[in-house]
């Protein structure tokens, strides 16, 4: 073995020794004990024996949790590597649901589940998207013309309001302003926010939502810039044809409308 080969061999030995050492301190001791002492492996498994407490913890009962896990599990499953075992789909779902149920900080959930707080942040975003992608078509599909007719009939039956297709309002969700965002997210309440715009039916169920508009926008401005507002303005939402109002047939056919507060503009289909 010549000097060059010896040098290469020595460098490789030092590298492998350093790699093994780094691997041993790569994961904190408290996180290594996740499978023995983490909240998912201890408390959550104990809560499965108590239906009431399980529902209080997740806002879902055991059956709902298991059904949801079967639907999103393939979308959030990760492969094990040579360096560590992947967090299971069940634990990833539990972390996301616990955050959604409590609004607790990523850091506190990370400590209780014995994972990194950046890991919690990634899990919440990924699992939330998987839940939306796998269930939106079943639980919040875009209403068809027949759906709009059913909503209008229920508004008339429950609230004595004919030709009503839904109620619209916006909600400012407070956030920490992103870096270099200026006043884009600064709202009239003096906080930073994004806007959650929703249309609900006669039973207060969400039928259409839009999330993420700048906090500086008014409710009317948010509606004008979102896909629902564009569809309402262009007439592409498949709304039912004008119909007669009960007791006011002499006025002729009248349009179906969405009701909103004074923050929204008055239009043919917006009252």
C-alpha atoms as a PDB file:
ATOM      1  CA  UNK A   1       0.000   0.000   0.000  1.00  0.00           C
ATOM      2  CA  UNK A   2       1.606   3.275  -1.109  1.00  0.00           C
ATOM      3  CA  UNK A   3       1.430   6.576   0.753  1.00  0.00           C
ATOM      4  CA  UNK A   4      -1.534   7.865  -1.257  1.00  0.00           C
ATOM      5  CA  UNK A   5      -3.591   4.758  -0.523  1.00  0.00           C
ATOM      6  CA  UNK A   6      -2.669   4.985   3.160  1.00  0.00           C
ATOM      7  CA  UNK A   7      -3.815   8.596   3.285  1.00  0.00           C
ATOM      8  CA  UNK A   8      -7.110   7.740   1.610  1.00  0.00           C
ATOM      9  CA  UNK A   9      -7.654   4.817   3.977  1.00  0.00           C
ATOM     10  CA  UNK A  10      -6.883   7.015   7.015  1.00  0.00           C
ATOM     11  CA  UNK A  11      -9.265   9.752   5.844  1.00  0.00           C
ATOM     12  CA  UNK A  12     -11.990   7.172   5.247  1.00  0.00           C
ATOM     13  CA  UNK A  13     -11.487   5.655   8.712  1.00  0.00           C
ATOM     14  CA  UNK A  14     -11.675   9.072  10.378  1.00  0.00           C
ATOM     15  CA  UNK A  15     -14.810   9.908   8.371  1.00  0.00           C
ATOM     16  CA  UNK A  16     -16.579   6.674   9.299  1.00  0.00           C
ATOM     17  CA  UNK A  17     -15.675   7.075  12.965  1.00  0.00           C
ATOM     18  CA  UNK A  18     -16.950  10.622  12.938  1.00  0.00           C
ATOM     19  CA  UNK A  19     -20.129   9.511  11.115  1.00  0.00           C
ATOM     20  CA  UNK A  20     -20.830   6.825  13.721  1.00  0.00           C
ATOM     21  CA  UNK A  21     -20.273   9.334  16.483  1.00  0.00           C
ATOM     22  CA  UNK A  22     -22.579  11.872  14.832  1.00  0.00           C
ATOM     23  CA  UNK A  23     -25.164   9.189  14.284  1.00  0.00           C
ATOM     24  CA  UNK A  24     -25.149   8.399  17.996  1.00  0.00           C
ATOM     25  CA  UNK A  25     -25.850  12.043  18.961  1.00  0.00           C
ATOM     26  CA  UNK A  26     -28.028  12.874  15.942  1.00  0.00           C
ATOM     27  CA  UNK A  27     -31.231  12.179  17.868  1.00  0.00           C
ATOM     28  CA  UNK A  28     -31.702  13.600  21.349  1.00  0.00           C
ATOM     29  CA  UNK A  29     -32.038  11.084  24.165  1.00  0.00           C
ATOM     30  CA  UNK A  30     -35.595  12.184  24.973  1.00  0.00           C
ATOM     31  CA  UNK A  31     -36.628  11.680  21.345  1.00  0.00           C
ATOM     32  CA  UNK A  32     -34.987   8.252  21.197  1.00  0.00           C
ATOM     33  CA  UNK A  33     -37.348   7.187  23.993  1.00  0.00           C
ATOM     34  CA  UNK A  34     -40.435   8.119  21.947  1.00  0.00           C
ATOM     35  CA  UNK A  35     -41.587   4.536  21.453  1.00  0.00           C
ATOM     36  CA  UNK A  36     -41.462   3.917  25.227  1.00  0.00           C
ATOM     37  CA  UNK A  37     -42.593   7.214  26.735  1.00  0.00           C
ATOM     38  CA  UNK A  38     -44.091   9.307  23.928  1.00  0.00           C
ATOM     39  CA  UNK A  39     -47.688  10.440  24.302  1.00  0.00           C
ATOM     40  CA  UNK A  40     -48.885   8.436  21.310  1.00  0.00           C
ATOM     41  CA  UNK A  41     -47.364   5.182  22.582  1.00  0.00           C
ATOM     42  CA  UNK A  42     -48.589   5.620  26.155  1.00  0.00           C
ATOM     43  CA  UNK A  43     -51.494   8.004  26.707  1.00  0.00           C
ATOM     44  CA  UNK A  44     -53.247   7.615  23.336  1.00  0.00           C
ATOM     45  CA  UNK A  45     -53.215   3.820  23.614  1.00  0.00           C
ATOM     46  CA  UNK A  46     -54.663   4.075  27.134  1.00  0.00           C
ATOM     47  CA  UNK A  47     -57.344   6.500  25.941  1.00  0.00           C
ATOM     48  CA  UNK A  48     -58.564   3.890  23.455  1.00  0.00           C
ATOM     49  CA  UNK A  49     -60.029   2.116  26.472  1.00  0.00           C
ATOM     50  CA  UNK A  50     -62.198   5.145  27.281  1.00  0.00           C
ATOM     51  CA  UNK A  51     -64.411   6.347  24.424  1.00  0.00           C
ATOM     52  CA  UNK A  52     -65.376   9.618  26.130  1.00  0.00           C
ATOM     53  CA  UNK A  53     -61.843  10.705  26.971  1.00  0.00           C
ATOM     54  CA  UNK A  54     -60.578   9.657  23.542  1.00  0.00           C
ATOM     55  CA  UNK A  55     -63.207  11.903  21.931  1.00  0.00           C
ATOM     56  CA  UNK A  56     -62.315  14.770  24.258  1.00  0.00           C
ATOM     57  CA  UNK A  57     -58.640  14.399  23.366  1.00  0.00           C
ATOM     58  CA  UNK A  58     -58.970  14.277  19.559  1.00  0.00           C
ATOM     59  CA  UNK A  59     -62.494  15.693  18.954  1.00  0.00           C
ATOM     60  CA  UNK A  60     -63.012  12.386  17.098  1.00  0.00           C
ATOM     61  CA  UNK A  61     -64.120   9.039  18.481  1.00  0.00           C
ATOM     62  CA  UNK A  62     -62.092   5.873  17.948  1.00  0.00           C
ATOM     63  CA  UNK A  63     -64.089   4.757  14.922  1.00  0.00           C
ATOM     64  CA  UNK A  64     -63.750   8.146  13.219  1.00  0.00           C
ATOM     65  CA  UNK A  65     -60.021   8.197  13.949  1.00  0.00           C
ATOM     66  CA  UNK A  66     -59.533   4.732  12.443  1.00  0.00           C
ATOM     67  CA  UNK A  67     -61.616   5.545   9.351  1.00  0.00           C
ATOM     68  CA  UNK A  68     -59.629   8.737   8.803  1.00  0.00           C
ATOM     69  CA  UNK A  69     -56.359   6.852   9.276  1.00  0.00           C
ATOM     70  CA  UNK A  70     -57.332   4.316   6.609  1.00  0.00           C
ATOM     71  CA  UNK A  71     -58.027   7.116   4.148  1.00  0.00           C
ATOM     72  CA  UNK A  72     -54.959   9.273   4.722  1.00  0.00           C
ATOM     73  CA  UNK A  73     -52.519   6.585   5.867  1.00  0.00           C
ATOM     74  CA  UNK A  74     -51.171   5.763   2.378  1.00  0.00           C
ATOM     75  CA  UNK A  75     -50.659   9.490   1.703  1.00  0.00           C
ATOM     76  CA  UNK A  76     -48.637  10.196   4.857  1.00  0.00           C
ATOM     77  CA  UNK A  77     -46.674   6.941   5.201  1.00  0.00           C
ATOM     78  CA  UNK A  78     -42.872   7.318   5.221  1.00  0.00           C
ATOM     79  CA  UNK A  79     -40.171   4.729   4.605  1.00  0.00           C
ATOM     80  CA  UNK A  80     -37.683   3.678   7.263  1.00  0.00           C
ATOM     81  CA  UNK A  81     -34.037   4.508   6.599  1.00  0.00           C
ATOM     82  CA  UNK A  82     -30.707   3.113   7.765  1.00  0.00           C
ATOM     83  CA  UNK A  83     -30.479   5.892  10.330  1.00  0.00           C
ATOM     84  CA  UNK A  84     -33.927   5.925  11.933  1.00  0.00           C
ATOM     85  CA  UNK A  85     -37.394   4.464  11.913  1.00  0.00           C
ATOM     86  CA  UNK A  86     -40.075   6.619  10.332  1.00  0.00           C
ATOM     87  CA  UNK A  87     -42.904   8.039  12.428  1.00  0.00           C
ATOM     88  CA  UNK A  88     -45.913   5.830  11.765  1.00  0.00           C
ATOM     89  CA  UNK A  89     -49.003   7.145   9.929  1.00  0.00           C
ATOM     90  CA  UNK A  90     -51.079   6.716  13.095  1.00  0.00           C
ATOM     91  CA  UNK A  91     -48.711   8.842  15.140  1.00  0.00           C
ATOM     92  CA  UNK A  92     -48.473  11.473  12.422  1.00  0.00           C
ATOM     93  CA  UNK A  93     -52.260  11.699  12.280  1.00  0.00           C
ATOM     94  CA  UNK A  94     -52.459  11.901  16.077  1.00  0.00           C
ATOM     95  CA  UNK A  95     -49.976  14.795  16.165  1.00  0.00           C
ATOM     96  CA  UNK A  96     -51.929  16.708  13.516  1.00  0.00           C
ATOM     97  CA  UNK A  97     -55.329  16.111  15.137  1.00  0.00           C
ATOM     98  CA  UNK A  98     -54.020  17.089  18.566  1.00  0.00           C
ATOM     99  CA  UNK A  99     -52.783  20.383  17.143  1.00  0.00           C
ATOM    100  CA  UNK A 100     -56.093  21.020  15.375  1.00  0.00           C
ATOM    101  CA  UNK A 101     -58.063  20.109  18.500  1.00  0.00           C
ATOM    102  CA  UNK A 102     -56.106  22.342  20.881  1.00  0.00           C
ATOM    103  CA  UNK A 103     -54.337  25.041  18.858  1.00  0.00           C
ATOM    104  CA  UNK A 104     -51.359  24.331  21.095  1.00  0.00           C
ATOM    105  CA  UNK A 105     -47.851  25.375  20.086  1.00  0.00           C
ATOM    106  CA  UNK A 106     -45.687  23.111  17.952  1.00  0.00           C
ATOM    107  CA  UNK A 107     -43.056  23.097  20.673  1.00  0.00           C
ATOM    108  CA  UNK A 108     -45.339  21.842  23.463  1.00  0.00           C
ATOM    109  CA  UNK A 109     -46.760  19.103  21.220  1.00  0.00           C
ATOM    110  CA  UNK A 110     -43.202  18.181  20.232  1.00  0.00           C
ATOM    111  CA  UNK A 111     -42.238  17.708  23.881  1.00  0.00           C
ATOM    112  CA  UNK A 112     -45.271  15.566  24.704  1.00  0.00           C
ATOM    113  CA  UNK A 113     -44.918  13.377  21.614  1.00  0.00           C
ATOM    114  CA  UNK A 114     -41.111  13.375  21.855  1.00  0.00           C
ATOM    115  CA  UNK A 115     -40.345  14.610  18.352  1.00  0.00           C
ATOM    116  CA  UNK A 116     -38.647  17.752  17.054  1.00  0.00           C
ATOM    117  CA  UNK A 117     -40.795  20.897  16.865  1.00  0.00           C
ATOM    118  CA  UNK A 118     -39.848  21.331  13.204  1.00  0.00           C
ATOM    119  CA  UNK A 119     -41.059  17.760  12.693  1.00  0.00           C
ATOM    120  CA  UNK A 120     -44.431  18.724  14.179  1.00  0.00           C
ATOM    121  CA  UNK A 121     -44.636  21.711  11.832  1.00  0.00           C
ATOM    122  CA  UNK A 122     -44.004  19.513   8.811  1.00  0.00           C
ATOM    123  CA  UNK A 123     -46.443  16.834   9.967  1.00  0.00           C
ATOM    124  CA  UNK A 124     -49.285  19.296  10.576  1.00  0.00           C
ATOM    125  CA  UNK A 125     -48.925  20.818   7.118  1.00  0.00           C
ATOM    126  CA  UNK A 126     -48.578  17.508   5.294  1.00  0.00           C
ATOM    127  CA  UNK A 127     -51.339  15.629   7.133  1.00  0.00           C
ATOM    128  CA  UNK A 128     -53.764  18.558   6.895  1.00  0.00           C
ATOM    129  CA  UNK A 129     -53.263  18.615   3.123  1.00  0.00           C
ATOM    130  CA  UNK A 130     -53.731  14.840   2.942  1.00  0.00           C
ATOM    131  CA  UNK A 131     -57.004  15.078   4.892  1.00  0.00           C
ATOM    132  CA  UNK A 132     -58.257  17.788   2.543  1.00  0.00           C
ATOM    133  CA  UNK A 133     -57.185  16.008  -0.651  1.00  0.00           C
ATOM    134  CA  UNK A 134     -58.664  12.655   0.362  1.00  0.00           C
ATOM    135  CA  UNK A 135     -61.992  13.901   1.730  1.00  0.00           C
ATOM    136  CA  UNK A 136     -62.940  17.156  -0.002  1.00  0.00           C
ATOM    137  CA  UNK A 137     -64.836  15.464  -2.831  1.00  0.00           C
ATOM    138  CA  UNK A 138     -66.971  13.512  -0.359  1.00  0.00           C
ATOM    139  CA  UNK A 139     -67.614  16.172   2.278  1.00  0.00           C
ATOM    140  CA  UNK A 140     -67.313  19.527   0.498  1.00  0.00           C
ATOM    141  CA  UNK A 141     -67.801  19.061  -3.256  1.00  0.00           C
ATOM    142  CA  UNK A 142     -68.537  22.041  -5.469  1.00  0.00           C
ATOM    143  CA  UNK A 143     -72.358  22.409  -5.346  1.00  0.00           C
ATOM    144  CA  UNK A 144     -74.229  21.532  -8.515  1.00  0.00           C
ATOM    145  CA  UNK A 145     -77.379  23.271  -9.721  1.00  0.00           C
ATOM    146  CA  UNK A 146     -79.466  20.606  -7.998  1.00  0.00           C
ATOM    147  CA  UNK A 147     -77.505  21.136  -4.767  1.00  0.00           C
ATOM    148  CA  UNK A 148     -78.226  24.867  -4.949  1.00  0.00           C
ATOM    149  CA  UNK A 149     -81.945  24.120  -5.385  1.00  0.00           C
ATOM    150  CA  UNK A 150     -81.915  21.870  -2.313  1.00  0.00           C
ATOM    151  CA  UNK A 151     -80.163  24.573  -0.271  1.00  0.00           C
ATOM    152  CA  UNK A 152     -82.713  27.181  -1.377  1.00  0.00           C
ATOM    153  CA  UNK A 153     -85.603  24.871  -0.465  1.00  0.00           C
ATOM    154  CA  UNK A 154     -84.145  24.290   2.984  1.00  0.00           C
ATOM    155  CA  UNK A 155     -83.624  28.010   3.572  1.00  0.00           C
ATOM    156  CA  UNK A 156     -87.294  28.560   2.789  1.00  0.00           C
ATOM    157  CA  UNK A 157     -88.390  25.633   4.969  1.00  0.00           C
ATOM    158  CA  UNK A 158     -86.224  26.464   8.007  1.00  0.00           C
ATOM    159  CA  UNK A 159     -85.960  30.250   7.816  1.00  0.00           C
ATOM    160  CA  UNK A 160     -88.886  31.327   5.627  1.00  0.00           C
ATOM    161  CA  UNK A 161     -86.426  32.976   3.229  1.00  0.00           C
ATOM    162  CA  UNK A 162     -87.135  32.064  -0.422  1.00  0.00           C
ATOM    163  CA  UNK A 163     -84.508  31.995  -3.176  1.00  0.00           C
ATOM    164  CA  UNK A 164     -81.595  32.028  -0.689  1.00  0.00           C
ATOM    165  CA  UNK A 165     -78.528  29.967  -1.557  1.00  0.00           C
ATOM    166  CA  UNK A 166     -76.312  30.653   1.431  1.00  0.00           C
ATOM    167  CA  UNK A 167     -74.861  33.099   3.909  1.00  0.00           C
ATOM    168  CA  UNK A 168     -71.404  34.617   3.357  1.00  0.00           C
ATOM    169  CA  UNK A 169     -68.975  36.126   5.837  1.00  0.00           C
ATOM    170  CA  UNK A 170     -65.266  36.526   6.402  1.00  0.00           C
ATOM    171  CA  UNK A 171     -63.093  35.823   9.443  1.00  0.00           C
ATOM    172  CA  UNK A 172     -59.626  37.230  10.150  1.00  0.00           C
ATOM    173  CA  UNK A 173     -57.280  34.529  11.434  1.00  0.00           C
ATOM    174  CA  UNK A 174     -54.421  36.107  13.382  1.00  0.00           C
ATOM    175  CA  UNK A 175     -50.927  35.120  12.247  1.00  0.00           C
ATOM    176  CA  UNK A 176     -47.333  36.171  12.785  1.00  0.00           C
ATOM    177  CA  UNK A 177     -46.504  38.469   9.893  1.00  0.00           C
ATOM    178  CA  UNK A 178     -44.188  36.793   7.331  1.00  0.00           C
ATOM    179  CA  UNK A 179     -40.811  38.399   6.828  1.00  0.00           C
ATOM    180  CA  UNK A 180     -40.682  41.333   4.395  1.00  0.00           C
ATOM    181  CA  UNK A 181     -44.463  41.296   3.914  1.00  0.00           C
ATOM    182  CA  UNK A 182     -44.938  44.975   4.735  1.00  0.00           C
ATOM    183  CA  UNK A 183     -48.574  45.836   5.378  1.00  0.00           C
ATOM    184  CA  UNK A 184     -50.073  43.054   3.241  1.00  0.00           C
ATOM    185  CA  UNK A 185     -51.345  41.133   6.266  1.00  0.00           C
ATOM    186  CA  UNK A 186     -52.071  44.154   8.503  1.00  0.00           C
ATOM    187  CA  UNK A 187     -55.823  44.444   9.097  1.00  0.00           C
ATOM    188  CA  UNK A 188     -58.193  47.106  10.393  1.00  0.00           C
ATOM    189  CA  UNK A 189     -58.124  45.535  13.862  1.00  0.00           C
ATOM    190  CA  UNK A 190     -54.430  46.342  14.203  1.00  0.00           C
ATOM    191  CA  UNK A 191     -53.230  42.744  13.942  1.00  0.00           C
ATOM    192  CA  UNK A 192     -51.742  40.607  11.182  1.00  0.00           C
ATOM    193  CA  UNK A 193     -54.038  38.022   9.645  1.00  0.00           C
ATOM    194  CA  UNK A 194     -55.196  35.985   6.697  1.00  0.00           C
ATOM    195  CA  UNK A 195     -58.872  35.945   5.723  1.00  0.00           C
ATOM    196  CA  UNK A 196     -61.110  32.895   5.903  1.00  0.00           C
ATOM    197  CA  UNK A 197     -64.185  33.416   3.678  1.00  0.00           C
ATOM    198  CA  UNK A 198     -67.042  30.925   3.896  1.00  0.00           C
ATOM    199  CA  UNK A 199     -70.496  30.220   2.489  1.00  0.00           C
ATOM    200  CA  UNK A 200     -72.805  28.188   4.747  1.00  0.00           C
ATOM    201  CA  UNK A 201     -76.166  26.600   4.053  1.00  0.00           C
ATOM    202  CA  UNK A 202     -79.379  26.688   6.098  1.00  0.00           C
ATOM    203  CA  UNK A 203     -77.902  24.260   8.648  1.00  0.00           C
ATOM    204  CA  UNK A 204     -74.682  26.286   9.094  1.00  0.00           C
ATOM    205  CA  UNK A 205     -72.666  23.678   7.184  1.00  0.00           C
ATOM    206  CA  UNK A 206     -69.754  24.953   5.103  1.00  0.00           C
ATOM    207  CA  UNK A 207     -70.410  24.606   1.375  1.00  0.00           C
ATOM    208  CA  UNK A 208     -67.647  26.805  -0.075  1.00  0.00           C
ATOM    209  CA  UNK A 209     -64.521  28.191   1.590  1.00  0.00           C
ATOM    210  CA  UNK A 210     -61.570  30.345   0.578  1.00  0.00           C
ATOM    211  CA  UNK A 211     -58.532  30.643   2.846  1.00  0.00           C
ATOM    212  CA  UNK A 212     -55.415  32.772   2.615  1.00  0.00           C
ATOM    213  CA  UNK A 213     -56.299  36.241   1.347  1.00  0.00           C
ATOM    214  CA  UNK A 214     -54.228  39.120   2.733  1.00  0.00           C
ATOM    215  CA  UNK A 215     -55.463  40.582   6.006  1.00  0.00           C
ATOM    216  CA  UNK A 216     -55.476  44.077   4.525  1.00  0.00           C
ATOM    217  CA  UNK A 217     -58.348  43.083   2.219  1.00  0.00           C
ATOM    218  CA  UNK A 218     -61.943  43.802   3.152  1.00  0.00           C
ATOM    219  CA  UNK A 219     -64.539  41.052   2.995  1.00  0.00           C
ATOM    220  CA  UNK A 220     -65.807  42.531  -0.253  1.00  0.00           C
ATOM    221  CA  UNK A 221     -62.303  42.670  -1.694  1.00  0.00           C
ATOM    222  CA  UNK A 222     -61.637  39.088  -0.651  1.00  0.00           C
ATOM    223  CA  UNK A 223     -64.839  37.957  -2.365  1.00  0.00           C
ATOM    224  CA  UNK A 224     -63.930  39.855  -5.546  1.00  0.00           C
ATOM    225  CA  UNK A 225     -60.535  38.161  -5.785  1.00  0.00           C
ATOM    226  CA  UNK A 226     -61.443  34.574  -4.863  1.00  0.00           C
ATOM    227  CA  UNK A 227     -62.626  31.878  -7.336  1.00  0.00           C
ATOM    228  CA  UNK A 228     -66.120  31.866  -5.817  1.00  0.00           C
ATOM    229  CA  UNK A 229     -66.452  35.615  -6.296  1.00  0.00           C
ATOM    230  CA  UNK A 230     -65.213  35.381  -9.867  1.00  0.00           C
ATOM    231  CA  UNK A 231     -67.713  32.620 -10.574  1.00  0.00           C
ATOM    232  CA  UNK A 232     -70.536  34.606  -9.011  1.00  0.00           C
ATOM    233  CA  UNK A 233     -69.653  37.642 -11.118  1.00  0.00           C
ATOM    234  CA  UNK A 234     -69.283  35.681 -14.365  1.00  0.00           C
ATOM    235  CA  UNK A 235     -72.336  33.495 -13.800  1.00  0.00           C
ATOM    236  CA  UNK A 236     -70.463  30.177 -13.910  1.00  0.00           C
ATOM    237  CA  UNK A 237     -71.559  28.741 -10.549  1.00  0.00           C
ATOM    238  CA  UNK A 238     -74.539  26.883 -11.977  1.00  0.00           C
ATOM    239  CA  UNK A 239     -77.062  28.828  -9.913  1.00  0.00           C
ATOM    240  CA  UNK A 240     -80.750  27.956 -10.427  1.00  0.00           C
ATOM    241  CA  UNK A 241     -82.859  29.998 -12.806  1.00  0.00           C
ATOM    242  CA  UNK A 242     -84.916  32.895 -11.468  1.00  0.00           C
ATOM    243  CA  UNK A 243     -88.155  31.780  -9.804  1.00  0.00           C
ATOM    244  CA  UNK A 244     -91.289  33.393  -8.445  1.00  0.00           C
ATOM    245  CA  UNK A 245     -91.359  34.499  -4.808  1.00  0.00           C
ATOM    246  CA  UNK A 246     -94.190  32.936  -2.755  1.00  0.00           C
ATOM    247  CA  UNK A 247     -96.876  35.582  -2.228  1.00  0.00           C
ATOM    248  CA  UNK A 248     -95.235  38.005  -4.657  1.00  0.00           C
ATOM    249  CA  UNK A 249     -95.833  36.327  -7.992  1.00  0.00           C
ATOM    250  CA  UNK A 250     -96.781  39.682  -9.518  1.00  0.00           C
ATOM    251  CA  UNK A 251     -93.124  40.731  -9.338  1.00  0.00           C
ATOM    252  CA  UNK A 252     -92.198  38.047 -11.817  1.00  0.00           C
ATOM    253  CA  UNK A 253     -89.217  35.646 -11.536  1.00  0.00           C
ATOM    254  CA  UNK A 254     -86.558  36.831  -9.072  1.00  0.00           C
ATOM    255  CA  UNK A 255     -82.894  35.800  -8.813  1.00  0.00           C
ATOM    256  CA  UNK A 256     -81.480  33.498  -6.174  1.00  0.00           C
ATOM    257  CA  UNK A 257     -79.222  35.332  -3.739  1.00  0.00           C
ATOM    258  CA  UNK A 258     -76.523  34.933  -1.131  1.00  0.00           C
ATOM    259  CA  UNK A 259     -76.984  37.018   2.019  1.00  0.00           C
ATOM    260  CA  UNK A 260     -74.140  38.956   3.629  1.00  0.00           C
ATOM    261  CA  UNK A 261     -73.472  41.972   5.839  1.00  0.00           C
ATOM    262  CA  UNK A 262     -72.743  45.543   4.741  1.00  0.00           C
ATOM    263  CA  UNK A 263     -69.057  44.769   4.117  1.00  0.00           C
ATOM    264  CA  UNK A 264     -70.078  43.119   0.842  1.00  0.00           C
ATOM    265  CA  UNK A 265     -71.370  44.905  -2.284  1.00  0.00           C
ATOM    266  CA  UNK A 266     -75.009  44.734  -3.372  1.00  0.00           C
ATOM    267  CA  UNK A 267     -75.354  42.728  -6.580  1.00  0.00           C
ATOM    268  CA  UNK A 268     -77.979  40.779  -8.449  1.00  0.00           C
ATOM    269  CA  UNK A 269     -77.084  37.562  -6.577  1.00  0.00           C
ATOM    270  CA  UNK A 270     -75.736  39.161  -3.416  1.00  0.00           C
ATOM    271  CA  UNK A 271     -77.991  40.778  -0.841  1.00  0.00           C
END
